[in-house]
Structures are given as structure tokens and as C-alpha cells.
Amino acid sequence: AGAISFEDGIKAVPRLGNDAKLEEG
């Protein structure tokens, strides 16, 4: 199919604080 831009894909990754509440399980 062809992938999206490499850098766009990386920028879309959510960055969280180290004590962010993560989804249980």
C-alpha cells in the first residue's frame, strides 16, 4: 500500500510524563 512519512509517523507517537496514568491491563 505504501507507508506514511517516517518522521510524521514518529511525531504522532504520544509522549507521556513518566508518572502518567496508563490504561489498566
mmCIF file of all heavy atoms, coordinates in Angstrom:
data_MODEL
# 
_entry.id   MODEL 
# 
loop_
_atom_site.group_PDB 
_atom_site.id 
_atom_site.type_symbol 
_atom_site.label_atom_id 
_atom_site.label_alt_id 
_atom_site.label_comp_id 
_atom_site.label_asym_id 
_atom_site.label_entity_id 
_atom_site.label_seq_id 
_atom_site.pdbx_PDB_ins_code 
_atom_site.Cartn_x 
_atom_site.Cartn_y 
_atom_site.Cartn_z 
_atom_site.occupancy 
_atom_site.B_iso_or_equiv 
_atom_site.pdbx_formal_charge 
_atom_site.auth_seq_id 
_atom_site.auth_comp_id 
_atom_site.auth_asym_id 
_atom_site.auth_atom_id 
_atom_site.pdbx_PDB_model_num 
ATOM 1   N N   . ALA A 1 1  ? 0.811  -1.212 0.000  1.00 0.00 ? 1  ALA A N   1 
ATOM 2   C CA  . ALA A 1 1  ? 0.000  0.000  0.000  1.00 0.00 ? 1  ALA A CA  1 
ATOM 3   C C   . ALA A 1 1  ? 0.850  1.270  0.000  1.00 0.00 ? 1  ALA A C   1 
ATOM 4   O O   . ALA A 1 1  ? 0.479  2.283  -0.589 1.00 0.00 ? 1  ALA A O   1 
ATOM 5   C CB  . ALA A 1 1  ? -0.929 0.000  1.221  1.00 0.00 ? 1  ALA A CB  1 
ATOM 6   N N   . GLY A 1 2  ? 2.015  1.207  0.677  1.00 0.00 ? 2  GLY A N   1 
ATOM 7   C CA  . GLY A 1 2  ? 2.848  2.393  0.842  1.00 0.00 ? 2  GLY A CA  1 
ATOM 8   C C   . GLY A 1 2  ? 2.601  3.028  2.196  1.00 0.00 ? 2  GLY A C   1 
ATOM 9   O O   . GLY A 1 2  ? 1.453  3.256  2.594  1.00 0.00 ? 2  GLY A O   1 
ATOM 10  N N   . ALA A 1 3  ? 3.682  3.301  2.921  1.00 0.00 ? 3  ALA A N   1 
ATOM 11  C CA  . ALA A 1 3  ? 3.575  3.822  4.286  1.00 0.00 ? 3  ALA A CA  1 
ATOM 12  C C   . ALA A 1 3  ? 3.557  5.343  4.307  1.00 0.00 ? 3  ALA A C   1 
ATOM 13  O O   . ALA A 1 3  ? 4.003  6.005  3.364  1.00 0.00 ? 3  ALA A O   1 
ATOM 14  C CB  . ALA A 1 3  ? 4.759  3.318  5.123  1.00 0.00 ? 3  ALA A CB  1 
ATOM 15  N N   . ILE A 1 4  ? 3.067  5.889  5.411  1.00 0.00 ? 4  ILE A N   1 
ATOM 16  C CA  . ILE A 1 4  ? 3.116  7.339  5.615  1.00 0.00 ? 4  ILE A CA  1 
ATOM 17  C C   . ILE A 1 4  ? 4.554  7.771  5.861  1.00 0.00 ? 4  ILE A C   1 
ATOM 18  O O   . ILE A 1 4  ? 5.445  6.943  6.045  1.00 0.00 ? 4  ILE A O   1 
ATOM 19  C CB  . ILE A 1 4  ? 2.228  7.765  6.804  1.00 0.00 ? 4  ILE A CB  1 
ATOM 20  C CG1 . ILE A 1 4  ? 2.775  7.185  8.127  1.00 0.00 ? 4  ILE A CG1 1 
ATOM 21  C CG2 . ILE A 1 4  ? 0.793  7.355  6.590  1.00 0.00 ? 4  ILE A CG2 1 
ATOM 22  C CD1 . ILE A 1 4  ? 2.128  7.773  9.361  1.00 0.00 ? 4  ILE A CD1 1 
ATOM 23  N N   . SER A 1 5  ? 4.790  9.060  5.869  1.00 0.00 ? 5  SER A N   1 
ATOM 24  C CA  . SER A 1 5  ? 6.116  9.615  6.117  1.00 0.00 ? 5  SER A CA  1 
ATOM 25  C C   . SER A 1 5  ? 6.700  9.090  7.421  1.00 0.00 ? 5  SER A C   1 
ATOM 26  O O   . SER A 1 5  ? 6.012  9.017  8.441  1.00 0.00 ? 5  SER A O   1 
ATOM 27  C CB  . SER A 1 5  ? 6.029  11.143 6.166  1.00 0.00 ? 5  SER A CB  1 
ATOM 28  O OG  . SER A 1 5  ? 7.081  11.719 6.902  1.00 0.00 ? 5  SER A OG  1 
ATOM 29  N N   . PHE A 1 6  ? 7.973  8.736  7.389  1.00 0.00 ? 6  PHE A N   1 
ATOM 30  C CA  . PHE A 1 6  ? 8.669  8.219  8.567  1.00 0.00 ? 6  PHE A CA  1 
ATOM 31  C C   . PHE A 1 6  ? 8.612  9.215  9.723  1.00 0.00 ? 6  PHE A C   1 
ATOM 32  O O   . PHE A 1 6  ? 8.207  8.876  10.840 1.00 0.00 ? 6  PHE A O   1 
ATOM 33  C CB  . PHE A 1 6  ? 10.122 7.928  8.185  1.00 0.00 ? 6  PHE A CB  1 
ATOM 34  C CG  . PHE A 1 6  ? 10.988 7.392  9.293  1.00 0.00 ? 6  PHE A CG  1 
ATOM 35  C CD1 . PHE A 1 6  ? 10.685 6.202  9.921  1.00 0.00 ? 6  PHE A CD1 1 
ATOM 36  C CD2 . PHE A 1 6  ? 12.130 8.076  9.681  1.00 0.00 ? 6  PHE A CD2 1 
ATOM 37  C CE1 . PHE A 1 6  ? 11.500 5.693  10.928 1.00 0.00 ? 6  PHE A CE1 1 
ATOM 38  C CE2 . PHE A 1 6  ? 12.953 7.586  10.684 1.00 0.00 ? 6  PHE A CE2 1 
ATOM 39  C CZ  . PHE A 1 6  ? 12.630 6.395  11.312 1.00 0.00 ? 6  PHE A CZ  1 
ATOM 40  N N   . GLU A 1 7  ? 8.983  10.457 9.474  1.00 0.00 ? 7  GLU A N   1 
ATOM 41  C CA  . GLU A 1 7  ? 9.003  11.456 10.538 1.00 0.00 ? 7  GLU A CA  1 
ATOM 42  C C   . GLU A 1 7  ? 7.600  11.793 11.016 1.00 0.00 ? 7  GLU A C   1 
ATOM 43  O O   . GLU A 1 7  ? 7.382  12.015 12.209 1.00 0.00 ? 7  GLU A O   1 
ATOM 44  C CB  . GLU A 1 7  ? 9.733  12.722 10.076 1.00 0.00 ? 7  GLU A CB  1 
ATOM 45  C CG  . GLU A 1 7  ? 11.221 12.517 9.797  1.00 0.00 ? 7  GLU A CG  1 
ATOM 46  C CD  . GLU A 1 7  ? 12.019 12.122 11.039 1.00 0.00 ? 7  GLU A CD  1 
ATOM 47  O OE1 . GLU A 1 7  ? 11.541 12.338 12.168 1.00 0.00 ? 7  GLU A OE1 1 
ATOM 48  O OE2 . GLU A 1 7  ? 13.132 11.580 10.863 1.00 0.00 ? 7  GLU A OE2 1 
ATOM 49  N N   . ASP A 1 8  ? 6.615  11.808 10.127 1.00 0.00 ? 8  ASP A N   1 
ATOM 50  C CA  . ASP A 1 8  ? 5.230  12.062 10.548 1.00 0.00 ? 8  ASP A CA  1 
ATOM 51  C C   . ASP A 1 8  ? 4.737  10.952 11.466 1.00 0.00 ? 8  ASP A C   1 
ATOM 52  O O   . ASP A 1 8  ? 4.034  11.211 12.454 1.00 0.00 ? 8  ASP A O   1 
ATOM 53  C CB  . ASP A 1 8  ? 4.310  12.162 9.326  1.00 0.00 ? 8  ASP A CB  1 
ATOM 54  C CG  . ASP A 1 8  ? 4.493  13.468 8.563  1.00 0.00 ? 8  ASP A CG  1 
ATOM 55  O OD1 . ASP A 1 8  ? 5.166  14.380 9.095  1.00 0.00 ? 8  ASP A OD1 1 
ATOM 56  O OD2 . ASP A 1 8  ? 3.974  13.562 7.431  1.00 0.00 ? 8  ASP A OD2 1 
ATOM 57  N N   . GLY A 1 9  ? 5.106  9.718  11.139 1.00 0.00 ? 9  GLY A N   1 
ATOM 58  C CA  . GLY A 1 9  ? 4.713  8.597  11.988 1.00 0.00 ? 9  GLY A CA  1 
ATOM 59  C C   . GLY A 1 9  ? 5.308  8.695  13.375 1.00 0.00 ? 9  GLY A C   1 
ATOM 60  O O   . GLY A 1 9  ? 4.645  8.422  14.383 1.00 0.00 ? 9  GLY A O   1 
ATOM 61  N N   . ILE A 1 10 ? 6.567  9.121  13.452 1.00 0.00 ? 10 ILE A N   1 
ATOM 62  C CA  . ILE A 1 10 ? 7.248  9.253  14.732 1.00 0.00 ? 10 ILE A CA  1 
ATOM 63  C C   . ILE A 1 10 ? 6.656  10.403 15.544 1.00 0.00 ? 10 ILE A C   1 
ATOM 64  O O   . ILE A 1 10 ? 6.427  10.278 16.762 1.00 0.00 ? 10 ILE A O   1 
ATOM 65  C CB  . ILE A 1 10 ? 8.756  9.461  14.512 1.00 0.00 ? 10 ILE A CB  1 
ATOM 66  C CG1 . ILE A 1 10 ? 9.386  8.155  14.016 1.00 0.00 ? 10 ILE A CG1 1 
ATOM 67  C CG2 . ILE A 1 10 ? 9.452  9.939  15.784 1.00 0.00 ? 10 ILE A CG2 1 
ATOM 68  C CD1 . ILE A 1 10 ? 10.786 8.300  13.510 1.00 0.00 ? 10 ILE A CD1 1 
ATOM 69  N N   . LYS A 1 11 ? 6.373  11.517 14.888 1.00 0.00 ? 11 LYS A N   1 
ATOM 70  C CA  . LYS A 1 11 ? 5.805  12.678 15.593 1.00 0.00 ? 11 LYS A CA  1 
ATOM 71  C C   . LYS A 1 11 ? 4.428  12.373 16.167 1.00 0.00 ? 11 LYS A C   1 
ATOM 72  O O   . LYS A 1 11 ? 4.004  12.995 17.149 1.00 0.00 ? 11 LYS A O   1 
ATOM 73  C CB  . LYS A 1 11 ? 5.723  13.874 14.644 1.00 0.00 ? 11 LYS A CB  1 
ATOM 74  C CG  . LYS A 1 11 ? 7.068  14.479 14.291 1.00 0.00 ? 11 LYS A CG  1 
ATOM 75  C CD  . LYS A 1 11 ? 6.924  15.568 13.242 1.00 0.00 ? 11 LYS A CD  1 
ATOM 76  C CE  . LYS A 1 11 ? 8.283  16.106 12.811 1.00 0.00 ? 11 LYS A CE  1 
ATOM 77  N NZ  . LYS A 1 11 ? 8.171  17.081 11.693 1.00 0.00 ? 11 LYS A NZ  1 
ATOM 78  N N   . ALA A 1 12 ? 3.715  11.437 15.567 1.00 0.00 ? 12 ALA A N   1 
ATOM 79  C CA  . ALA A 1 12 ? 2.365  11.104 16.026 1.00 0.00 ? 12 ALA A CA  1 
ATOM 80  C C   . ALA A 1 12 ? 2.355  10.234 17.282 1.00 0.00 ? 12 ALA A C   1 
ATOM 81  O O   . ALA A 1 12 ? 1.306  10.050 17.907 1.00 0.00 ? 12 ALA A O   1 
ATOM 82  C CB  . ALA A 1 12 ? 1.597  10.401 14.907 1.00 0.00 ? 12 ALA A CB  1 
ATOM 83  N N   . VAL A 1 13 ? 3.517  9.688  17.660 1.00 0.00 ? 13 VAL A N   1 
ATOM 84  C CA  . VAL A 1 13 ? 3.580  8.853  18.863 1.00 0.00 ? 13 VAL A CA  1 
ATOM 85  C C   . VAL A 1 13 ? 3.373  9.736  20.095 1.00 0.00 ? 13 VAL A C   1 
ATOM 86  O O   . VAL A 1 13 ? 4.117  10.696 20.310 1.00 0.00 ? 13 VAL A O   1 
ATOM 87  C CB  . VAL A 1 13 ? 4.936  8.124  18.959 1.00 0.00 ? 13 VAL A CB  1 
ATOM 88  C CG1 . VAL A 1 13 ? 5.048  7.367  20.285 1.00 0.00 ? 13 VAL A CG1 1 
ATOM 89  C CG2 . VAL A 1 13 ? 5.104  7.159  17.789 1.00 0.00 ? 13 VAL A CG2 1 
ATOM 90  N N   . PRO A 1 14 ? 2.375  9.448  20.962 1.00 0.00 ? 14 PRO A N   1 
ATOM 91  C CA  . PRO A 1 14 ? 2.138  10.267 22.151 1.00 0.00 ? 14 PRO A CA  1 
ATOM 92  C C   . PRO A 1 14 ? 3.307  10.164 23.133 1.00 0.00 ? 14 PRO A C   1 
ATOM 93  O O   . PRO A 1 14 ? 3.761  9.066  23.450 1.00 0.00 ? 14 PRO A O   1 
ATOM 94  C CB  . PRO A 1 14 ? 0.868  9.662  22.760 1.00 0.00 ? 14 PRO A CB  1 
ATOM 95  C CG  . PRO A 1 14 ? 0.229  8.894  21.651 1.00 0.00 ? 14 PRO A CG  1 
ATOM 96  C CD  . PRO A 1 14 ? 1.359  8.393  20.808 1.00 0.00 ? 14 PRO A CD  1 
ATOM 97  N N   . ARG A 1 15 ? 3.814  11.300 23.589 1.00 0.00 ? 15 ARG A N   1 
ATOM 98  C CA  . ARG A 1 15 ? 4.857  11.341 24.611 1.00 0.00 ? 15 ARG A CA  1 
ATOM 99  C C   . ARG A 1 15 ? 4.191  11.630 25.952 1.00 0.00 ? 15 ARG A C   1 
ATOM 100 O O   . ARG A 1 15 ? 3.454  12.611 26.087 1.00 0.00 ? 15 ARG A O   1 
ATOM 101 C CB  . ARG A 1 15 ? 5.897  12.411 24.293 1.00 0.00 ? 15 ARG A CB  1 
ATOM 102 C CG  . ARG A 1 15 ? 6.661  12.184 22.986 1.00 0.00 ? 15 ARG A CG  1 
ATOM 103 C CD  . ARG A 1 15 ? 7.507  10.935 23.027 1.00 0.00 ? 15 ARG A CD  1 
ATOM 104 N NE  . ARG A 1 15 ? 8.379  10.836 21.863 1.00 0.00 ? 15 ARG A NE  1 
ATOM 105 C CZ  . ARG A 1 15 ? 9.698  11.026 21.906 1.00 0.00 ? 15 ARG A CZ  1 
ATOM 106 N NH1 . ARG A 1 15 ? 10.301 11.316 23.037 1.00 0.00 ? 15 ARG A NH1 1 
ATOM 107 N NH2 . ARG A 1 15 ? 10.419 10.915 20.810 1.00 0.00 ? 15 ARG A NH2 1 
ATOM 108 N N   . LEU A 1 16 ? 4.450  10.792 26.930 1.00 0.00 ? 16 LEU A N   1 
ATOM 109 C CA  . LEU A 1 16 ? 3.811  10.897 28.240 1.00 0.00 ? 16 LEU A CA  1 
ATOM 110 C C   . LEU A 1 16 ? 4.834  11.210 29.320 1.00 0.00 ? 16 LEU A C   1 
ATOM 111 O O   . LEU A 1 16 ? 6.016  10.862 29.198 1.00 0.00 ? 16 LEU A O   1 
ATOM 112 C CB  . LEU A 1 16 ? 3.092  9.589  28.587 1.00 0.00 ? 16 LEU A CB  1 
ATOM 113 C CG  . LEU A 1 16 ? 2.116  9.018  27.547 1.00 0.00 ? 16 LEU A CG  1 
ATOM 114 C CD1 . LEU A 1 16 ? 1.556  7.686  28.051 1.00 0.00 ? 16 LEU A CD1 1 
ATOM 115 C CD2 . LEU A 1 16 ? 1.001  10.001 27.242 1.00 0.00 ? 16 LEU A CD2 1 
ATOM 116 N N   . GLY A 1 17 ? 4.374  11.838 30.399 1.00 0.00 ? 17 GLY A N   1 
ATOM 117 C CA  . GLY A 1 17 ? 5.214  12.022 31.564 1.00 0.00 ? 17 GLY A CA  1 
ATOM 118 C C   . GLY A 1 17 ? 5.485  10.686 32.216 1.00 0.00 ? 17 GLY A C   1 
ATOM 119 O O   . GLY A 1 17 ? 4.687  9.742  32.089 1.00 0.00 ? 17 GLY A O   1 
ATOM 120 N N   . ASN A 1 18 ? 6.608  10.575 32.925 1.00 0.00 ? 18 ASN A N   1 
ATOM 121 C CA  . ASN A 1 18 ? 6.980  9.257  33.449 1.00 0.00 ? 18 ASN A CA  1 
ATOM 122 C C   . ASN A 1 18 ? 5.992  8.711  34.476 1.00 0.00 ? 18 ASN A C   1 
ATOM 123 O O   . ASN A 1 18 ? 5.960  7.501  34.716 1.00 0.00 ? 18 ASN A O   1 
ATOM 124 C CB  . ASN A 1 18 ? 8.401  9.281  34.033 1.00 0.00 ? 18 ASN A CB  1 
ATOM 125 C CG  . ASN A 1 18 ? 8.516  10.161 35.260 1.00 0.00 ? 18 ASN A CG  1 
ATOM 126 O OD1 . ASN A 1 18 ? 7.885  11.213 35.342 1.00 0.00 ? 18 ASN A OD1 1 
ATOM 127 N ND2 . ASN A 1 18 ? 9.338  9.754  36.212 1.00 0.00 ? 18 ASN A ND2 1 
ATOM 128 N N   . ASP A 1 19 ? 5.186  9.574  35.079 1.00 0.00 ? 19 ASP A N   1 
ATOM 129 C CA  . ASP A 1 19 ? 4.184  9.097  36.036 1.00 0.00 ? 19 ASP A CA  1 
ATOM 130 C C   . ASP A 1 19 ? 2.763  9.250  35.511 1.00 0.00 ? 19 ASP A C   1 
ATOM 131 O O   . ASP A 1 19 ? 1.802  9.341  36.278 1.00 0.00 ? 19 ASP A O   1 
ATOM 132 C CB  . ASP A 1 19 ? 4.355  9.820  37.372 1.00 0.00 ? 19 ASP A CB  1 
ATOM 133 C CG  . ASP A 1 19 ? 5.577  9.327  38.143 1.00 0.00 ? 19 ASP A CG  1 
ATOM 134 O OD1 . ASP A 1 19 ? 5.904  8.125  38.022 1.00 0.00 ? 19 ASP A OD1 1 
ATOM 135 O OD2 . ASP A 1 19 ? 6.220  10.134 38.840 1.00 0.00 ? 19 ASP A OD2 1 
ATOM 136 N N   . ALA A 1 20 ? 2.624  9.273  34.207 1.00 0.00 ? 20 ALA A N   1 
ATOM 137 C CA  . ALA A 1 20 ? 1.297  9.352  33.605 1.00 0.00 ? 20 ALA A CA  1 
ATOM 138 C C   . ALA A 1 20 ? 0.499  8.098  33.966 1.00 0.00 ? 20 ALA A C   1 
ATOM 139 O O   . ALA A 1 20 ? 1.060  7.006  34.128 1.00 0.00 ? 20 ALA A O   1 
ATOM 140 C CB  . ALA A 1 20 ? 1.421  9.471  32.086 1.00 0.00 ? 20 ALA A CB  1 
ATOM 141 N N   . LYS A 1 21 ? -0.799 8.260  34.077 1.00 0.00 ? 21 LYS A N   1 
ATOM 142 C CA  . LYS A 1 21 ? -1.660 7.117  34.374 1.00 0.00 ? 21 LYS A CA  1 
ATOM 143 C C   . LYS A 1 21 ? -1.871 6.316  33.090 1.00 0.00 ? 21 LYS A C   1 
ATOM 144 O O   . LYS A 1 21 ? -2.382 6.832  32.101 1.00 0.00 ? 21 LYS A O   1 
ATOM 145 C CB  . LYS A 1 21 ? -3.006 7.597  34.927 1.00 0.00 ? 21 LYS A CB  1 
ATOM 146 C CG  . LYS A 1 21 ? -3.936 6.457  35.329 1.00 0.00 ? 21 LYS A CG  1 
ATOM 147 C CD  . LYS A 1 21 ? -5.178 6.984  36.000 1.00 0.00 ? 21 LYS A CD  1 
ATOM 148 C CE  . LYS A 1 21 ? -6.172 5.866  36.297 1.00 0.00 ? 21 LYS A CE  1 
ATOM 149 N NZ  . LYS A 1 21 ? -5.583 4.798  37.139 1.00 0.00 ? 21 LYS A NZ  1 
ATOM 150 N N   . LEU A 1 22 ? -1.458 5.067  33.115 1.00 0.00 ? 22 LEU A N   1 
ATOM 151 C CA  . LEU A 1 22 ? -1.571 4.208  31.941 1.00 0.00 ? 22 LEU A CA  1 
ATOM 152 C C   . LEU A 1 22 ? -2.850 3.392  32.015 1.00 0.00 ? 22 LEU A C   1 
ATOM 153 O O   . LEU A 1 22 ? -3.348 3.087  33.102 1.00 0.00 ? 22 LEU A O   1 
ATOM 154 C CB  . LEU A 1 22 ? -0.357 3.280  31.844 1.00 0.00 ? 22 LEU A CB  1 
ATOM 155 C CG  . LEU A 1 22 ? 1.028  3.954  31.895 1.00 0.00 ? 22 LEU A CG  1 
ATOM 156 C CD1 . LEU A 1 22 ? 2.117  2.927  31.631 1.00 0.00 ? 22 LEU A CD1 1 
ATOM 157 C CD2 . LEU A 1 22 ? 1.123  5.108  30.906 1.00 0.00 ? 22 LEU A CD2 1 
ATOM 158 N N   . GLU A 1 23 ? -3.354 3.030  30.868 1.00 0.00 ? 23 GLU A N   1 
ATOM 159 C CA  . GLU A 1 23 ? -4.579 2.239  30.811 1.00 0.00 ? 23 GLU A CA  1 
ATOM 160 C C   . GLU A 1 23 ? -4.375 0.898  31.521 1.00 0.00 ? 23 GLU A C   1 
ATOM 161 O O   . GLU A 1 23 ? -3.416 0.164  31.242 1.00 0.00 ? 23 GLU A O   1 
ATOM 162 C CB  . GLU A 1 23 ? -4.965 2.002  29.353 1.00 0.00 ? 23 GLU A CB  1 
ATOM 163 C CG  . GLU A 1 23 ? -6.235 1.188  29.169 1.00 0.00 ? 23 GLU A CG  1 
ATOM 164 C CD  . GLU A 1 23 ? -6.515 0.912  27.706 1.00 0.00 ? 23 GLU A CD  1 
ATOM 165 O OE1 . GLU A 1 23 ? -6.266 1.812  26.874 1.00 0.00 ? 23 GLU A OE1 1 
ATOM 166 O OE2 . GLU A 1 23 ? -6.959 -0.215 27.397 1.00 0.00 ? 23 GLU A OE2 1 
ATOM 167 N N   . GLU A 1 24 ? -5.267 0.607  32.424 1.00 0.00 ? 24 GLU A N   1 
ATOM 168 C CA  . GLU A 1 24 ? -5.130 -0.627 33.218 1.00 0.00 ? 24 GLU A CA  1 
ATOM 169 C C   . GLU A 1 24 ? -5.221 -1.859 32.323 1.00 0.00 ? 24 GLU A C   1 
ATOM 170 O O   . GLU A 1 24 ? -6.094 -1.965 31.468 1.00 0.00 ? 24 GLU A O   1 
ATOM 171 C CB  . GLU A 1 24 ? -6.228 -0.676 34.293 1.00 0.00 ? 24 GLU A CB  1 
ATOM 172 C CG  . GLU A 1 24 ? -6.049 -1.809 35.288 1.00 0.00 ? 24 GLU A CG  1 
ATOM 173 C CD  . GLU A 1 24 ? -7.045 -1.742 36.426 1.00 0.00 ? 24 GLU A CD  1 
ATOM 174 O OE1 . GLU A 1 24 ? -7.719 -0.695 36.575 1.00 0.00 ? 24 GLU A OE1 1 
ATOM 175 O OE2 . GLU A 1 24 ? -7.154 -2.735 37.163 1.00 0.00 ? 24 GLU A OE2 1 
ATOM 176 N N   . GLY A 1 25 ? -4.281 -2.772 32.521 1.00 0.00 ? 25 GLY A N   1 
ATOM 177 C CA  . GLY A 1 25 ? -4.269 -4.015 31.759 1.00 0.00 ? 25 GLY A CA  1 
ATOM 178 C C   . GLY A 1 25 ? -3.606 -3.923 30.409 1.00 0.00 ? 25 GLY A C   1 
ATOM 179 O O   . GLY A 1 25 ? -3.462 -4.936 29.717 1.00 0.00 ? 25 GLY A O   1 
# 
